[in-house]
Amino acid sequence: MAHVPKTGEMAAQALAPVLTPASDALRRDDDRELVRLAKSDDKEAFELLVRKHQSRVFAVAGGILRNKEDVEDVAQQVFVKAYFSLKRFDQRAAFSTWLYKITVNECWDVLRKRKVRPLLYESDLNEEQAHEYSGFSEKAAAPDVSDRLDARERVENLLVDLDERDRLMLILKEVQGFSVEEIADIMEINGNTVKVRLFRARRRIMEKVKRRDAAK
């Protein structure tokens, strides 16, 4: 005999939230499906992508630009550009990496318009050259730097003298938790170069900390 729902069961079913394809994809943390839906003009899917990634877009932009209004303008422009470029997005890549790459490029555009000249990168380094700079000490330096980067105010104090790109790399690595490979992809540079720049930036920070501690 078929089960006939009781009144209470029917009420509970009526009150249960109905998952849309987009909200179900968000629940499963499935960016690929959200992007697929957004490409099919599912506006909810794109809104959920924005909601999911906007805090990190703000953090990435804040790692380069100091002005709050600039960061807000860039974040808005990033999602506008992402919306109109989404149909051309190659889903073999991670949506987050593509989005943060747009963020970095938008920030550089702001700096270029203000004639802020970032330092040039050294030539791409081979594995042996990268190891010379970073292999023996990167692991040793990282914990101390990480301890000092967990509060935003202290981060800004420590990073204030760094080049914009170096500051961004440290924030991406130590605060946002990106891997070296992800940073290289976002900034479109060689992974070994990222390692070297991180090592040099960490060394500058540690020297600054030592000088500050010695002055106490």
N, C-alpha and C. Protein backbone atom coordinates (compact mmCIF):
# COMPACT_ATOMS: atom_id res chain seq x y z
N MET A 1 0.85 -1.20 0.00
CA MET A 1 0.00 0.00 0.00
C MET A 1 0.88 1.25 0.00
N ALA A 2 0.59 2.21 -0.84
CA ALA A 2 1.40 3.41 -0.94
C ALA A 2 1.32 4.23 0.33
N HIS A 3 2.48 4.86 0.66
CA HIS A 3 2.53 5.70 1.86
C HIS A 3 1.84 7.03 1.58
N VAL A 4 0.90 7.39 2.41
CA VAL A 4 0.20 8.67 2.28
C VAL A 4 0.78 9.63 3.31
N PRO A 5 1.41 10.73 2.87
CA PRO A 5 2.02 11.64 3.83
C PRO A 5 0.99 12.21 4.79
N LYS A 6 1.39 12.29 6.06
CA LYS A 6 0.53 12.92 7.04
C LYS A 6 0.58 14.44 6.88
N THR A 7 -0.35 15.09 7.53
CA THR A 7 -0.43 16.55 7.40
C THR A 7 0.87 17.23 7.77
N GLY A 8 1.50 16.76 8.88
CA GLY A 8 2.76 17.35 9.32
C GLY A 8 3.87 17.16 8.31
N GLU A 9 3.92 15.96 7.69
CA GLU A 9 4.94 15.70 6.68
C GLU A 9 4.75 16.59 5.47
N MET A 10 3.50 16.76 5.08
CA MET A 10 3.22 17.60 3.92
C MET A 10 3.62 19.05 4.19
N ALA A 11 3.37 19.52 5.39
CA ALA A 11 3.74 20.90 5.75
C ALA A 11 5.25 21.07 5.74
N ALA A 12 5.97 20.05 6.27
CA ALA A 12 7.43 20.12 6.29
C ALA A 12 7.99 20.14 4.88
N GLN A 13 7.41 19.32 3.99
CA GLN A 13 7.88 19.30 2.61
C GLN A 13 7.61 20.63 1.92
N ALA A 14 6.49 21.22 2.25
CA ALA A 14 6.15 22.51 1.63
C ALA A 14 7.10 23.62 2.07
N LEU A 15 7.56 23.52 3.33
CA LEU A 15 8.45 24.56 3.87
C LEU A 15 9.90 24.33 3.50
N ALA A 16 10.26 23.12 3.05
CA ALA A 16 11.66 22.81 2.72
C ALA A 16 12.11 23.66 1.54
N PRO A 17 13.30 24.25 1.63
CA PRO A 17 13.77 25.08 0.53
C PRO A 17 14.00 24.26 -0.73
N VAL A 18 13.62 24.82 -1.86
CA VAL A 18 13.81 24.15 -3.14
C VAL A 18 15.13 24.62 -3.73
N LEU A 19 16.06 23.69 -3.94
CA LEU A 19 17.35 24.04 -4.48
C LEU A 19 17.25 24.25 -5.99
N THR A 20 17.70 25.42 -6.42
CA THR A 20 17.83 25.64 -7.86
C THR A 20 19.13 24.98 -8.32
N PRO A 21 19.29 24.77 -9.63
CA PRO A 21 20.57 24.21 -10.10
C PRO A 21 21.78 25.01 -9.63
N ALA A 22 21.65 26.34 -9.61
CA ALA A 22 22.77 27.18 -9.20
C ALA A 22 23.05 27.04 -7.71
N SER A 23 22.01 27.07 -6.88
CA SER A 23 22.23 26.96 -5.43
C SER A 23 22.74 25.57 -5.06
N ASP A 24 22.31 24.56 -5.81
CA ASP A 24 22.82 23.21 -5.58
C ASP A 24 24.30 23.13 -5.93
N ALA A 25 24.70 23.78 -7.02
CA ALA A 25 26.12 23.80 -7.40
C ALA A 25 26.95 24.53 -6.35
N LEU A 26 26.40 25.62 -5.80
CA LEU A 26 27.11 26.34 -4.75
C LEU A 26 27.25 25.48 -3.51
N ARG A 27 26.19 24.77 -3.16
CA ARG A 27 26.23 23.88 -1.99
C ARG A 27 27.31 22.83 -2.15
N ARG A 28 27.52 22.37 -3.38
CA ARG A 28 28.54 21.36 -3.64
C ARG A 28 29.90 21.97 -3.93
N ASP A 29 29.99 23.30 -3.82
CA ASP A 29 31.24 24.02 -4.07
C ASP A 29 31.78 23.71 -5.47
N ASP A 30 30.88 23.71 -6.44
CA ASP A 30 31.22 23.31 -7.81
C ASP A 30 31.26 24.54 -8.71
N ASP A 31 32.42 25.20 -8.77
CA ASP A 31 32.57 26.37 -9.62
C ASP A 31 32.34 26.04 -11.09
N ARG A 32 32.80 24.87 -11.50
CA ARG A 32 32.68 24.49 -12.90
C ARG A 32 31.21 24.48 -13.35
N GLU A 33 30.34 23.93 -12.49
CA GLU A 33 28.92 23.88 -12.82
C GLU A 33 28.30 25.27 -12.77
N LEU A 34 28.72 26.09 -11.79
CA LEU A 34 28.22 27.46 -11.72
C LEU A 34 28.59 28.24 -12.97
N VAL A 35 29.81 28.05 -13.44
CA VAL A 35 30.25 28.73 -14.65
C VAL A 35 29.44 28.24 -15.85
N ARG A 36 29.23 26.93 -15.93
CA ARG A 36 28.45 26.38 -17.04
C ARG A 36 27.04 26.98 -17.07
N LEU A 37 26.43 27.07 -15.89
CA LEU A 37 25.09 27.65 -15.80
C LEU A 37 25.10 29.14 -16.16
N ALA A 38 26.12 29.84 -15.66
CA ALA A 38 26.21 31.28 -15.94
C ALA A 38 26.42 31.53 -17.44
N LYS A 39 27.17 30.65 -18.09
CA LYS A 39 27.37 30.77 -19.53
C LYS A 39 26.05 30.57 -20.29
N SER A 40 25.12 29.86 -19.66
CA SER A 40 23.81 29.62 -20.26
C SER A 40 22.81 30.68 -19.83
N ASP A 41 23.33 31.83 -19.39
CA ASP A 41 22.51 32.98 -19.01
C ASP A 41 21.70 32.77 -17.73
N ASP A 42 22.21 31.92 -16.85
CA ASP A 42 21.60 31.76 -15.52
C ASP A 42 22.16 32.87 -14.63
N LYS A 43 21.38 33.92 -14.45
CA LYS A 43 21.87 35.09 -13.70
C LYS A 43 22.14 34.74 -12.23
N GLU A 44 21.36 33.85 -11.66
CA GLU A 44 21.59 33.45 -10.27
C GLU A 44 22.96 32.81 -10.13
N ALA A 45 23.35 32.00 -11.11
CA ALA A 45 24.65 31.33 -11.05
C ALA A 45 25.78 32.35 -11.01
N PHE A 46 25.69 33.39 -11.84
CA PHE A 46 26.75 34.40 -11.82
C PHE A 46 26.74 35.17 -10.52
N GLU A 47 25.56 35.50 -10.00
CA GLU A 47 25.48 36.21 -8.72
C GLU A 47 26.11 35.39 -7.60
N LEU A 48 25.93 34.07 -7.64
CA LEU A 48 26.52 33.21 -6.62
C LEU A 48 28.04 33.13 -6.78
N LEU A 49 28.53 33.16 -8.01
CA LEU A 49 29.97 33.20 -8.23
C LEU A 49 30.56 34.49 -7.66
N VAL A 50 29.85 35.60 -7.87
CA VAL A 50 30.30 36.88 -7.32
C VAL A 50 30.33 36.81 -5.79
N ARG A 51 29.25 36.32 -5.20
CA ARG A 51 29.17 36.23 -3.75
C ARG A 51 30.28 35.35 -3.17
N LYS A 52 30.59 34.28 -3.87
CA LYS A 52 31.58 33.34 -3.38
C LYS A 52 32.99 33.90 -3.43
N HIS A 53 33.31 34.68 -4.48
CA HIS A 53 34.69 35.09 -4.71
C HIS A 53 34.97 36.56 -4.42
N GLN A 54 33.95 37.35 -4.08
CA GLN A 54 34.18 38.78 -3.98
C GLN A 54 35.14 39.16 -2.85
N SER A 55 35.12 38.42 -1.74
CA SER A 55 36.00 38.79 -0.63
C SER A 55 37.47 38.62 -1.02
N ARG A 56 37.78 37.57 -1.80
CA ARG A 56 39.17 37.38 -2.21
C ARG A 56 39.56 38.35 -3.31
N VAL A 57 38.61 38.75 -4.15
CA VAL A 57 38.90 39.78 -5.15
C VAL A 57 39.26 41.08 -4.43
N PHE A 58 38.51 41.43 -3.40
CA PHE A 58 38.83 42.63 -2.61
C PHE A 58 40.20 42.49 -1.95
N ALA A 59 40.51 41.30 -1.44
CA ALA A 59 41.78 41.09 -0.77
C ALA A 59 42.95 41.21 -1.75
N VAL A 60 42.79 40.62 -2.93
CA VAL A 60 43.85 40.71 -3.94
C VAL A 60 44.05 42.16 -4.37
N ALA A 61 42.96 42.87 -4.64
CA ALA A 61 43.07 44.28 -5.04
C ALA A 61 43.67 45.12 -3.90
N GLY A 62 43.28 44.80 -2.68
CA GLY A 62 43.81 45.52 -1.52
C GLY A 62 45.28 45.28 -1.30
N GLY A 63 45.80 44.17 -1.84
CA GLY A 63 47.23 43.90 -1.73
C GLY A 63 48.06 44.77 -2.65
N ILE A 64 47.42 45.37 -3.66
CA ILE A 64 48.14 46.21 -4.61
C ILE A 64 47.85 47.68 -4.40
N LEU A 65 46.58 48.00 -4.22
CA LEU A 65 46.14 49.39 -4.12
C LEU A 65 45.90 49.77 -2.67
N ARG A 66 46.27 50.97 -2.30
CA ARG A 66 46.11 51.41 -0.92
C ARG A 66 44.77 52.11 -0.69
N ASN A 67 44.23 52.72 -1.73
CA ASN A 67 43.04 53.53 -1.59
C ASN A 67 41.79 52.67 -1.61
N LYS A 68 40.95 52.82 -0.59
CA LYS A 68 39.75 51.99 -0.47
C LYS A 68 38.81 52.17 -1.65
N GLU A 69 38.65 53.43 -2.11
CA GLU A 69 37.76 53.68 -3.24
C GLU A 69 38.29 53.01 -4.50
N ASP A 70 39.61 53.01 -4.68
CA ASP A 70 40.20 52.35 -5.84
C ASP A 70 39.92 50.85 -5.80
N VAL A 71 40.05 50.27 -4.63
CA VAL A 71 39.81 48.83 -4.47
C VAL A 71 38.36 48.51 -4.82
N GLU A 72 37.43 49.32 -4.33
CA GLU A 72 36.01 49.09 -4.61
C GLU A 72 35.70 49.25 -6.09
N ASP A 73 36.30 50.27 -6.72
CA ASP A 73 36.08 50.48 -8.15
C ASP A 73 36.63 49.31 -8.96
N VAL A 74 37.83 48.85 -8.60
CA VAL A 74 38.44 47.74 -9.32
C VAL A 74 37.60 46.48 -9.16
N ALA A 75 37.15 46.19 -7.94
CA ALA A 75 36.34 44.99 -7.70
C ALA A 75 35.08 45.00 -8.55
N GLN A 76 34.43 46.17 -8.64
CA GLN A 76 33.23 46.27 -9.46
C GLN A 76 33.56 46.05 -10.93
N GLN A 77 34.66 46.64 -11.37
CA GLN A 77 35.06 46.50 -12.77
C GLN A 77 35.44 45.06 -13.10
N VAL A 78 36.04 44.37 -12.15
CA VAL A 78 36.43 42.97 -12.35
C VAL A 78 35.22 42.11 -12.67
N PHE A 79 34.16 42.27 -11.90
CA PHE A 79 32.98 41.43 -12.11
C PHE A 79 32.21 41.84 -13.36
N VAL A 80 32.24 43.13 -13.71
CA VAL A 80 31.64 43.55 -14.98
C VAL A 80 32.39 42.90 -16.14
N LYS A 81 33.71 42.97 -16.08
CA LYS A 81 34.52 42.38 -17.15
C LYS A 81 34.35 40.87 -17.19
N ALA A 82 34.30 40.24 -16.03
CA ALA A 82 34.11 38.79 -15.99
C ALA A 82 32.77 38.40 -16.59
N TYR A 83 31.74 39.19 -16.31
CA TYR A 83 30.40 38.88 -16.82
C TYR A 83 30.38 38.88 -18.35
N PHE A 84 31.00 39.91 -18.93
CA PHE A 84 30.95 40.03 -20.39
C PHE A 84 31.98 39.13 -21.08
N SER A 85 32.95 38.61 -20.33
CA SER A 85 33.97 37.75 -20.93
C SER A 85 33.74 36.28 -20.65
N LEU A 86 32.71 35.98 -19.86
CA LEU A 86 32.54 34.62 -19.35
C LEU A 86 32.36 33.59 -20.47
N LYS A 87 31.66 33.96 -21.51
CA LYS A 87 31.40 32.99 -22.58
C LYS A 87 32.70 32.58 -23.28
N ARG A 88 33.74 33.41 -23.18
CA ARG A 88 35.04 33.07 -23.78
C ARG A 88 35.97 32.36 -22.80
N PHE A 89 35.53 32.21 -21.57
CA PHE A 89 36.37 31.56 -20.55
C PHE A 89 36.54 30.08 -20.86
N ASP A 90 37.79 29.64 -20.86
CA ASP A 90 38.12 28.24 -21.11
C ASP A 90 38.03 27.48 -19.79
N GLN A 91 37.06 26.58 -19.68
CA GLN A 91 36.81 25.92 -18.40
C GLN A 91 37.86 24.88 -18.02
N ARG A 92 38.87 24.71 -18.85
CA ARG A 92 39.97 23.84 -18.43
C ARG A 92 40.78 24.52 -17.32
N ALA A 93 40.71 25.82 -17.25
CA ALA A 93 41.38 26.57 -16.19
C ALA A 93 40.42 26.75 -15.02
N ALA A 94 40.97 27.08 -13.84
CA ALA A 94 40.14 27.34 -12.66
C ALA A 94 39.52 28.73 -12.79
N PHE A 95 38.23 28.82 -12.50
CA PHE A 95 37.55 30.12 -12.57
C PHE A 95 38.19 31.12 -11.62
N SER A 96 38.56 30.67 -10.43
CA SER A 96 39.14 31.58 -9.44
C SER A 96 40.44 32.19 -9.95
N THR A 97 41.31 31.37 -10.56
CA THR A 97 42.57 31.89 -11.08
C THR A 97 42.32 32.90 -12.18
N TRP A 98 41.38 32.60 -13.08
CA TRP A 98 41.03 33.52 -14.16
C TRP A 98 40.52 34.83 -13.59
N LEU A 99 39.69 34.75 -12.57
CA LEU A 99 39.11 35.95 -11.96
C LEU A 99 40.18 36.80 -11.28
N TYR A 100 41.09 36.16 -10.56
CA TYR A 100 42.13 36.91 -9.86
C TYR A 100 43.14 37.50 -10.84
N LYS A 101 43.31 36.84 -11.99
CA LYS A 101 44.18 37.39 -13.02
C LYS A 101 43.58 38.69 -13.57
N ILE A 102 42.27 38.70 -13.78
CA ILE A 102 41.59 39.92 -14.21
C ILE A 102 41.79 41.01 -13.15
N THR A 103 41.68 40.63 -11.88
CA THR A 103 41.85 41.59 -10.78
C THR A 103 43.23 42.23 -10.82
N VAL A 104 44.26 41.42 -10.95
CA VAL A 104 45.63 41.93 -11.00
C VAL A 104 45.80 42.88 -12.18
N ASN A 105 45.30 42.49 -13.34
CA ASN A 105 45.44 43.34 -14.53
C ASN A 105 44.72 44.67 -14.37
N GLU A 106 43.55 44.64 -13.75
CA GLU A 106 42.82 45.89 -13.51
C GLU A 106 43.59 46.80 -12.56
N CYS A 107 44.21 46.21 -11.55
CA CYS A 107 45.01 47.00 -10.61
C CYS A 107 46.21 47.62 -11.29
N TRP A 108 46.89 46.84 -12.15
CA TRP A 108 48.04 47.40 -12.87
C TRP A 108 47.61 48.56 -13.77
N ASP A 109 46.41 48.46 -14.35
CA ASP A 109 45.90 49.55 -15.18
C ASP A 109 45.75 50.83 -14.37
N VAL A 110 45.25 50.69 -13.14
CA VAL A 110 45.12 51.85 -12.26
C VAL A 110 46.49 52.46 -11.98
N LEU A 111 47.47 51.60 -11.68
CA LEU A 111 48.81 52.10 -11.37
C LEU A 111 49.45 52.76 -12.60
N ARG A 112 49.24 52.16 -13.77
CA ARG A 112 49.83 52.72 -14.99
C ARG A 112 49.25 54.10 -15.29
N LYS A 113 47.95 54.25 -15.09
CA LYS A 113 47.31 55.54 -15.34
C LYS A 113 47.86 56.62 -14.41
N ARG A 114 48.32 56.19 -13.25
CA ARG A 114 48.89 57.15 -12.29
C ARG A 114 50.41 57.22 -12.41
N LYS A 115 50.92 56.56 -13.44
CA LYS A 115 52.35 56.58 -13.74
C LYS A 115 53.18 56.04 -12.59
N VAL A 116 52.61 55.05 -11.89
CA VAL A 116 53.39 54.33 -10.88
C VAL A 116 54.14 53.24 -11.60
N ARG A 117 55.44 53.23 -11.52
CA ARG A 117 56.25 52.29 -12.29
C ARG A 117 56.68 51.13 -11.42
N PRO A 118 56.08 49.94 -11.62
CA PRO A 118 56.51 48.79 -10.84
C PRO A 118 57.92 48.38 -11.22
N LEU A 119 58.62 47.74 -10.31
CA LEU A 119 59.95 47.23 -10.62
C LEU A 119 59.85 46.14 -11.67
N LEU A 120 60.84 46.09 -12.56
CA LEU A 120 60.86 45.04 -13.56
C LEU A 120 61.31 43.73 -12.93
N TYR A 121 60.76 42.65 -13.44
CA TYR A 121 61.19 41.34 -12.97
C TYR A 121 62.51 40.97 -13.63
N GLU A 122 63.33 40.23 -12.90
CA GLU A 122 64.53 39.69 -13.49
C GLU A 122 64.15 38.61 -14.49
N SER A 123 65.08 38.23 -15.31
CA SER A 123 64.80 37.18 -16.30
C SER A 123 64.32 35.93 -15.60
N ASP A 124 63.50 35.14 -16.28
CA ASP A 124 63.03 33.87 -15.70
C ASP A 124 64.24 33.03 -15.32
N LEU A 125 64.17 32.46 -14.16
CA LEU A 125 65.30 31.70 -13.62
C LEU A 125 65.08 30.21 -13.80
N ASN A 126 66.17 29.50 -13.99
CA ASN A 126 66.03 28.04 -14.05
C ASN A 126 65.97 27.48 -12.64
N GLU A 127 65.73 26.18 -12.52
CA GLU A 127 65.52 25.55 -11.21
C GLU A 127 66.76 25.70 -10.31
N GLU A 128 67.94 25.59 -10.90
CA GLU A 128 69.16 25.69 -10.10
C GLU A 128 69.34 27.08 -9.53
N GLN A 129 69.05 28.10 -10.35
CA GLN A 129 69.17 29.48 -9.88
C GLN A 129 68.14 29.78 -8.80
N ALA A 130 66.92 29.30 -9.00
CA ALA A 130 65.88 29.51 -7.99
C ALA A 130 66.25 28.86 -6.68
N HIS A 131 66.82 27.67 -6.75
CA HIS A 131 67.20 26.95 -5.53
C HIS A 131 68.26 27.72 -4.76
N GLU A 132 69.16 28.37 -5.48
CA GLU A 132 70.22 29.14 -4.82
C GLU A 132 69.65 30.21 -3.89
N TYR A 133 68.53 30.83 -4.32
CA TYR A 133 67.92 31.89 -3.53
C TYR A 133 66.97 31.36 -2.46
N SER A 134 66.19 30.34 -2.81
CA SER A 134 65.06 30.01 -1.96
C SER A 134 65.10 28.64 -1.31
N GLY A 135 65.85 27.71 -1.86
CA GLY A 135 65.75 26.34 -1.40
C GLY A 135 66.11 26.12 0.05
N PHE A 136 67.17 26.79 0.51
CA PHE A 136 67.66 26.49 1.85
C PHE A 136 66.95 27.23 2.95
N SER A 137 66.26 28.32 2.62
CA SER A 137 65.75 29.15 3.71
C SER A 137 64.28 29.49 3.62
N GLU A 138 63.62 29.17 2.50
CA GLU A 138 62.22 29.57 2.36
C GLU A 138 61.37 28.97 3.45
N LYS A 139 61.57 27.69 3.75
CA LYS A 139 60.76 27.02 4.77
C LYS A 139 61.05 27.59 6.15
N ALA A 140 62.29 27.96 6.38
CA ALA A 140 62.64 28.49 7.68
C ALA A 140 62.04 29.87 7.90
N ALA A 141 61.97 30.66 6.83
CA ALA A 141 61.47 32.02 6.99
C ALA A 141 59.96 32.09 7.04
N ALA A 142 59.30 31.18 6.36
CA ALA A 142 57.85 31.27 6.20
C ALA A 142 57.07 31.32 7.50
N PRO A 143 57.34 30.45 8.49
CA PRO A 143 56.52 30.48 9.70
C PRO A 143 56.58 31.82 10.42
N ASP A 144 57.82 32.41 10.50
CA ASP A 144 57.92 33.68 11.19
C ASP A 144 57.12 34.76 10.47
N VAL A 145 57.20 34.76 9.14
CA VAL A 145 56.46 35.75 8.38
C VAL A 145 54.96 35.52 8.53
N SER A 146 54.56 34.26 8.47
CA SER A 146 53.13 33.95 8.58
C SER A 146 52.56 34.45 9.90
N ASP A 147 53.34 34.27 10.98
CA ASP A 147 52.88 34.72 12.29
C ASP A 147 52.64 36.22 12.31
N ARG A 148 53.42 36.92 11.51
CA ARG A 148 53.30 38.39 11.53
C ARG A 148 52.32 38.90 10.49
N LEU A 149 51.82 38.01 9.65
CA LEU A 149 50.89 38.45 8.61
C LEU A 149 49.44 38.15 8.93
N ASP A 150 49.17 37.65 10.13
CA ASP A 150 47.80 37.24 10.43
C ASP A 150 46.91 38.39 10.84
N ALA A 151 47.45 39.57 11.06
CA ALA A 151 46.64 40.75 11.37
C ALA A 151 46.91 41.80 10.30
N ARG A 152 45.85 42.34 9.71
CA ARG A 152 46.00 43.23 8.55
C ARG A 152 46.83 44.47 8.88
N GLU A 153 46.64 45.03 10.04
CA GLU A 153 47.37 46.24 10.39
C GLU A 153 48.87 45.98 10.43
N ARG A 154 49.25 44.85 11.00
CA ARG A 154 50.67 44.50 11.07
C ARG A 154 51.21 44.14 9.69
N VAL A 155 50.34 43.57 8.86
CA VAL A 155 50.75 43.27 7.49
C VAL A 155 51.16 44.55 6.78
N GLU A 156 50.29 45.54 6.84
CA GLU A 156 50.57 46.79 6.14
C GLU A 156 51.86 47.42 6.65
N ASN A 157 52.07 47.35 7.95
CA ASN A 157 53.27 47.92 8.53
C ASN A 157 54.53 47.23 8.03
N LEU A 158 54.45 45.92 7.88
CA LEU A 158 55.62 45.16 7.43
C LEU A 158 55.85 45.28 5.93
N LEU A 159 54.78 45.44 5.16
CA LEU A 159 54.89 45.41 3.71
C LEU A 159 55.01 46.79 3.08
N VAL A 160 54.97 47.83 3.91
CA VAL A 160 54.85 49.18 3.38
C VAL A 160 55.98 49.55 2.43
N ASP A 161 57.19 49.02 2.64
CA ASP A 161 58.33 49.41 1.82
C ASP A 161 58.55 48.51 0.61
N LEU A 162 57.71 47.49 0.44
CA LEU A 162 57.90 46.56 -0.67
C LEU A 162 57.30 47.10 -1.96
N ASP A 163 57.87 46.66 -3.08
CA ASP A 163 57.29 46.93 -4.38
C ASP A 163 55.88 46.35 -4.44
N GLU A 164 55.00 46.96 -5.23
CA GLU A 164 53.61 46.53 -5.28
C GLU A 164 53.47 45.04 -5.61
N ARG A 165 54.27 44.56 -6.55
CA ARG A 165 54.16 43.15 -6.96
C ARG A 165 54.62 42.22 -5.86
N ASP A 166 55.69 42.59 -5.17
CA ASP A 166 56.17 41.75 -4.07
C ASP A 166 55.16 41.72 -2.94
N ARG A 167 54.57 42.89 -2.65
CA ARG A 167 53.55 42.95 -1.60
C ARG A 167 52.37 42.07 -1.96
N LEU A 168 51.96 42.12 -3.22
CA LEU A 168 50.84 41.30 -3.67
C LEU A 168 51.18 39.81 -3.52
N MET A 169 52.38 39.43 -3.94
CA MET A 169 52.78 38.01 -3.85
C MET A 169 52.72 37.50 -2.41
N LEU A 170 53.22 38.29 -1.48
CA LEU A 170 53.21 37.86 -0.08
C LEU A 170 51.79 37.75 0.46
N ILE A 171 50.94 38.68 0.08
CA ILE A 171 49.54 38.61 0.53
C ILE A 171 48.85 37.40 -0.08
N LEU A 172 49.08 37.16 -1.36
CA LEU A 172 48.49 35.99 -2.00
C LEU A 172 48.97 34.70 -1.33
N LYS A 173 50.26 34.65 -0.99
CA LYS A 173 50.84 33.42 -0.45
C LYS A 173 50.52 33.25 1.03
N GLU A 174 50.81 34.26 1.83
CA GLU A 174 50.76 34.11 3.28
C GLU A 174 49.38 34.38 3.87
N VAL A 175 48.64 35.30 3.27
CA VAL A 175 47.33 35.66 3.81
C VAL A 175 46.21 34.90 3.10
N GLN A 176 46.27 34.87 1.76
CA GLN A 176 45.20 34.25 0.99
C GLN A 176 45.43 32.76 0.76
N GLY A 177 46.66 32.28 0.95
CA GLY A 177 46.91 30.84 0.88
C GLY A 177 47.06 30.28 -0.52
N PHE A 178 47.37 31.12 -1.51
CA PHE A 178 47.59 30.61 -2.86
C PHE A 178 48.91 29.86 -2.92
N SER A 179 48.98 28.88 -3.80
CA SER A 179 50.24 28.16 -4.02
C SER A 179 51.14 28.98 -4.95
N VAL A 180 52.41 28.62 -4.99
CA VAL A 180 53.34 29.28 -5.90
C VAL A 180 52.86 29.16 -7.34
N GLU A 181 52.37 27.97 -7.70
CA GLU A 181 51.90 27.74 -9.06
C GLU A 181 50.70 28.64 -9.39
N GLU A 182 49.79 28.80 -8.43
CA GLU A 182 48.62 29.66 -8.66
C GLU A 182 49.04 31.12 -8.81
N ILE A 183 49.99 31.56 -7.99
CA ILE A 183 50.48 32.94 -8.08
C ILE A 183 51.14 33.17 -9.43
N ALA A 184 51.94 32.20 -9.87
CA ALA A 184 52.60 32.32 -11.17
C ALA A 184 51.58 32.44 -12.29
N ASP A 185 50.50 31.67 -12.19
CA ASP A 185 49.45 31.71 -13.20
C ASP A 185 48.72 33.04 -13.18
N ILE A 186 48.39 33.51 -11.98
CA ILE A 186 47.66 34.77 -11.84
C ILE A 186 48.50 35.94 -12.39
N MET A 187 49.80 35.94 -12.08
CA MET A 187 50.65 37.06 -12.45
C MET A 187 51.38 36.84 -13.77
N GLU A 188 51.16 35.66 -14.36
CA GLU A 188 51.71 35.33 -15.67
C GLU A 188 53.23 35.45 -15.70
N ILE A 189 53.87 34.83 -14.72
CA ILE A 189 55.32 34.78 -14.67
C ILE A 189 55.76 33.37 -14.33
N ASN A 190 57.07 33.14 -14.43
CA ASN A 190 57.64 31.83 -14.13
C ASN A 190 57.53 31.50 -12.64
N GLY A 191 57.21 30.25 -12.33
CA GLY A 191 57.07 29.84 -10.94
C GLY A 191 58.34 30.02 -10.14
N ASN A 192 59.50 29.79 -10.75
CA ASN A 192 60.76 29.99 -10.05
C ASN A 192 60.98 31.46 -9.70
N THR A 193 60.52 32.33 -10.58
CA THR A 193 60.63 33.77 -10.30
C THR A 193 59.78 34.14 -9.10
N VAL A 194 58.60 33.53 -8.98
CA VAL A 194 57.76 33.76 -7.80
C VAL A 194 58.50 33.36 -6.54
N LYS A 195 59.15 32.19 -6.56
CA LYS A 195 59.88 31.71 -5.39
C LYS A 195 60.98 32.68 -4.99
N VAL A 196 61.69 33.18 -5.98
CA VAL A 196 62.80 34.10 -5.70
C VAL A 196 62.28 35.42 -5.14
N ARG A 197 61.21 35.94 -5.76
CA ARG A 197 60.68 37.21 -5.28
C ARG A 197 60.12 37.06 -3.86
N LEU A 198 59.46 35.94 -3.59
CA LEU A 198 58.96 35.69 -2.24
C LEU A 198 60.11 35.62 -1.24
N PHE A 199 61.16 34.90 -1.62
CA PHE A 199 62.31 34.79 -0.71
C PHE A 199 62.91 36.15 -0.41
N ARG A 200 63.11 36.95 -1.44
CA ARG A 200 63.72 38.27 -1.24
C ARG A 200 62.81 39.17 -0.41
N ALA A 201 61.52 39.11 -0.67
CA ALA A 201 60.57 39.93 0.10
C ALA A 201 60.56 39.50 1.56
N ARG A 202 60.56 38.19 1.80
CA ARG A 202 60.59 37.70 3.18
C ARG A 202 61.87 38.14 3.88
N ARG A 203 62.97 38.07 3.16
CA ARG A 203 64.24 38.46 3.76
C ARG A 203 64.23 39.93 4.15
N ARG A 204 63.66 40.78 3.29
CA ARG A 204 63.57 42.20 3.63
C ARG A 204 62.71 42.41 4.86
N ILE A 205 61.61 41.66 4.96
CA ILE A 205 60.73 41.79 6.11
C ILE A 205 61.45 41.34 7.38
N MET A 206 62.16 40.21 7.31
CA MET A 206 62.86 39.71 8.48
C MET A 206 63.95 40.68 8.94
N GLU A 207 64.62 41.31 7.98
CA GLU A 207 65.63 42.31 8.34
C GLU A 207 64.98 43.50 9.02
N LYS A 208 63.81 43.88 8.54
CA LYS A 208 63.08 45.00 9.15
C LYS A 208 62.65 44.64 10.56
N VAL A 209 62.18 43.41 10.76
CA VAL A 209 61.76 42.96 12.08
C VAL A 209 62.95 42.95 13.03
N LYS A 210 64.09 42.45 12.55
CA LYS A 210 65.30 42.40 13.41
C LYS A 210 65.73 43.79 13.82
N ARG A 211 65.71 44.75 12.87
CA ARG A 211 66.08 46.12 13.20
C ARG A 211 65.12 46.73 14.21
N ARG A 212 63.83 46.42 14.04
CA ARG A 212 62.84 46.95 14.97
C ARG A 212 63.02 46.36 16.36
N ASP A 213 63.26 45.04 16.41
CA ASP A 213 63.45 44.38 17.71
C ASP A 213 64.73 44.88 18.41
N ALA A 214 65.78 45.13 17.60
CA ALA A 214 67.04 45.59 18.18
C ALA A 214 66.92 47.00 18.74
N ALA A 215 65.98 47.76 18.19
CA ALA A 215 65.81 49.15 18.63
C ALA A 215 64.98 49.25 19.90
N LYS A 216 64.35 48.15 20.30
CA LYS A 216 63.48 48.18 21.50
C LYS A 216 64.32 48.25 22.77
